[in-house]
Amino acid sequence: MGPVSSNEDALDLIDQDKPDFAVLDVYLGAETVTPVALELQRLKVPFVLASASSPPTSWRPALSLPTQSTSENRQDRASSLRPFAS
């Protein structure tokens, strides 16, 4: 899949075929990839953020996603360690 150069193109691509995993560049031109990351999070698609760009001079975090509480994280990890039913 991809690459794409805009949030709109990325979201269209995700709508066509849900990815198993994604590598996102933090900056897509003048935009940040936040809408795409939020959609992947909603779909429970794992992703990593990367960038070869220097942060702008008025730097602020490009992405701030809601996180699960610690107890929810432990519960998710514990359930993923259970063996598959045969």
C-alpha atoms as a PDB file:
ATOM      1  CA  MET A   1       0.000   0.000   0.000  1.00  0.00           C
ATOM      2  CA  GLY A   2       1.094   3.548  -0.565  1.00  0.00           C
ATOM      3  CA  PRO A   3       3.049   5.621  -0.393  1.00  0.00           C
ATOM      4  CA  VAL A   4       0.704   8.586  -0.372  1.00  0.00           C
ATOM      5  CA  SER A   5       1.345  12.293   0.084  1.00  0.00           C
ATOM      6  CA  SER A   6      -1.799  13.526   1.851  1.00  0.00           C
ATOM      7  CA  ASN A   7      -4.121  12.570   4.679  1.00  0.00           C
ATOM      8  CA  GLU A   8      -7.017  12.386   2.220  1.00  0.00           C
ATOM      9  CA  ASP A   9      -5.170   9.882   0.020  1.00  0.00           C
ATOM     10  CA  ALA A  10      -4.098   7.824   3.034  1.00  0.00           C
ATOM     11  CA  LEU A  11      -7.638   7.675   4.428  1.00  0.00           C
ATOM     12  CA  ASP A  12      -8.985   6.698   0.997  1.00  0.00           C
ATOM     13  CA  LEU A  13      -6.428   3.897   0.805  1.00  0.00           C
ATOM     14  CA  ILE A  14      -7.340   2.657   4.305  1.00  0.00           C
ATOM     15  CA  ASP A  15     -11.029   2.653   3.293  1.00  0.00           C
ATOM     16  CA  GLN A  16     -10.215   0.501   0.251  1.00  0.00           C
ATOM     17  CA  ASP A  17      -8.109  -2.065   2.105  1.00  0.00           C
ATOM     18  CA  LYS A  18      -7.462  -2.146   5.861  1.00  0.00           C
ATOM     19  CA  PRO A  19      -3.714  -2.583   6.399  1.00  0.00           C
ATOM     20  CA  ASP A  20      -2.150  -5.076   8.805  1.00  0.00           C
ATOM     21  CA  PHE A  21       0.442  -2.496   9.915  1.00  0.00           C
ATOM     22  CA  ALA A  22       1.480   1.025   8.901  1.00  0.00           C
ATOM     23  CA  VAL A  23       4.567   3.231   8.934  1.00  0.00           C
ATOM     24  CA  LEU A  24       3.531   6.878   8.960  1.00  0.00           C
ATOM     25  CA  ASP A  25       5.653   9.920   8.232  1.00  0.00           C
ATOM     26  CA  VAL A  26       4.732  12.472  10.893  1.00  0.00           C
ATOM     27  CA  TYR A  27       4.550  15.279   8.348  1.00  0.00           C
ATOM     28  CA  LEU A  28       2.686  15.068   5.043  1.00  0.00           C
ATOM     29  CA  GLY A  29       3.646  18.340   3.397  1.00  0.00           C
ATOM     30  CA  ALA A  30       2.181  21.104   5.555  1.00  0.00           C
ATOM     31  CA  GLU A  31      -0.068  18.633   7.418  1.00  0.00           C
ATOM     32  CA  THR A  32       0.569  16.236  10.248  1.00  0.00           C
ATOM     33  CA  VAL A  33      -0.551  12.638   9.948  1.00  0.00           C
ATOM     34  CA  THR A  34      -2.842  12.857  13.006  1.00  0.00           C
ATOM     35  CA  PRO A  35      -6.138  12.075  11.178  1.00  0.00           C
ATOM     36  CA  VAL A  36      -4.612   8.934   9.679  1.00  0.00           C
ATOM     37  CA  ALA A  37      -3.144   7.814  13.008  1.00  0.00           C
ATOM     38  CA  LEU A  38      -6.492   8.307  14.725  1.00  0.00           C
ATOM     39  CA  GLU A  39      -8.266   6.242  12.060  1.00  0.00           C
ATOM     40  CA  LEU A  40      -5.686   3.449  12.342  1.00  0.00           C
ATOM     41  CA  GLN A  41      -6.066   3.507  16.113  1.00  0.00           C
ATOM     42  CA  ARG A  42      -9.863   3.298  15.757  1.00  0.00           C
ATOM     43  CA  LEU A  43      -9.432   0.286  13.468  1.00  0.00           C
ATOM     44  CA  LYS A  44      -6.888  -1.247  15.894  1.00  0.00           C
ATOM     45  CA  VAL A  45      -4.172  -1.267  13.215  1.00  0.00           C
ATOM     46  CA  PRO A  46      -0.674  -1.069  14.720  1.00  0.00           C
ATOM     47  CA  PHE A  47       1.539   1.717  13.366  1.00  0.00           C
ATOM     48  CA  VAL A  48       4.831   3.481  13.958  1.00  0.00           C
ATOM     49  CA  LEU A  49       5.658   7.124  13.380  1.00  0.00           C
ATOM     50  CA  ALA A  50       8.814   8.194  11.580  1.00  0.00           C
ATOM     51  CA  SER A  51      10.126  11.314   9.938  1.00  0.00           C
ATOM     52  CA  ALA A  52      13.166  12.429   8.025  1.00  0.00           C
ATOM     53  CA  SER A  53      12.045  16.045   8.420  1.00  0.00           C
ATOM     54  CA  SER A  54      13.303  18.444  11.017  1.00  0.00           C
ATOM     55  CA  PRO A  55      10.580  19.713  13.320  1.00  0.00           C
ATOM     56  CA  PRO A  56       9.368  23.216  12.480  1.00  0.00           C
ATOM     57  CA  THR A  57      10.817  26.089  14.474  1.00  0.00           C
ATOM     58  CA  SER A  58       7.533  26.486  16.337  1.00  0.00           C
ATOM     59  CA  TRP A  59       7.657  22.816  17.295  1.00  0.00           C
ATOM     60  CA  ARG A  60       4.766  21.204  19.071  1.00  0.00           C
ATOM     61  CA  PRO A  61       3.927  17.520  19.282  1.00  0.00           C
ATOM     62  CA  ALA A  62       2.551  16.434  15.922  1.00  0.00           C
ATOM     63  CA  LEU A  63       0.423  13.710  17.402  1.00  0.00           C
ATOM     64  CA  SER A  64      -1.321  13.160  20.682  1.00  0.00           C
ATOM     65  CA  LEU A  65      -3.398  10.008  20.873  1.00  0.00           C
ATOM     66  CA  PRO A  66      -5.608   8.958  23.761  1.00  0.00           C
ATOM     67  CA  THR A  67      -4.132   6.020  25.636  1.00  0.00           C
ATOM     68  CA  GLN A  68      -5.630   3.187  27.644  1.00  0.00           C
ATOM     69  CA  SER A  69      -5.296   3.122  31.388  1.00  0.00           C
ATOM     70  CA  THR A  70      -2.587   0.935  32.900  1.00  0.00           C
ATOM     71  CA  SER A  71      -5.098  -1.698  34.053  1.00  0.00           C
ATOM     72  CA  GLU A  72      -6.596  -1.892  30.532  1.00  0.00           C
ATOM     73  CA  ASN A  73      -3.090  -2.285  29.061  1.00  0.00           C
ATOM     74  CA  ARG A  74      -2.291  -5.121  31.478  1.00  0.00           C
ATOM     75  CA  GLN A  75      -5.592  -6.822  30.675  1.00  0.00           C
ATOM     76  CA  ASP A  76      -4.947  -6.522  26.905  1.00  0.00           C
ATOM     77  CA  ARG A  77      -1.421  -7.939  27.264  1.00  0.00           C
ATOM     78  CA  ALA A  78      -2.634 -10.781  29.465  1.00  0.00           C
ATOM     79  CA  SER A  79      -5.384 -11.754  27.022  1.00  0.00           C
ATOM     80  CA  SER A  80      -2.935 -11.720  24.103  1.00  0.00           C
ATOM     81  CA  LEU A  81      -0.721 -14.242  25.922  1.00  0.00           C
ATOM     82  CA  ARG A  82      -3.463 -16.852  26.233  1.00  0.00           C
ATOM     83  CA  PRO A  83      -3.028 -19.825  23.901  1.00  0.00           C
ATOM     84  CA  PHE A  84      -5.377 -20.175  20.959  1.00  0.00           C
ATOM     85  CA  ALA A  85      -8.283 -22.531  21.487  1.00  0.00           C
ATOM     86  CA  SER A  86      -7.869 -25.806  19.650  1.00  0.00           C
END
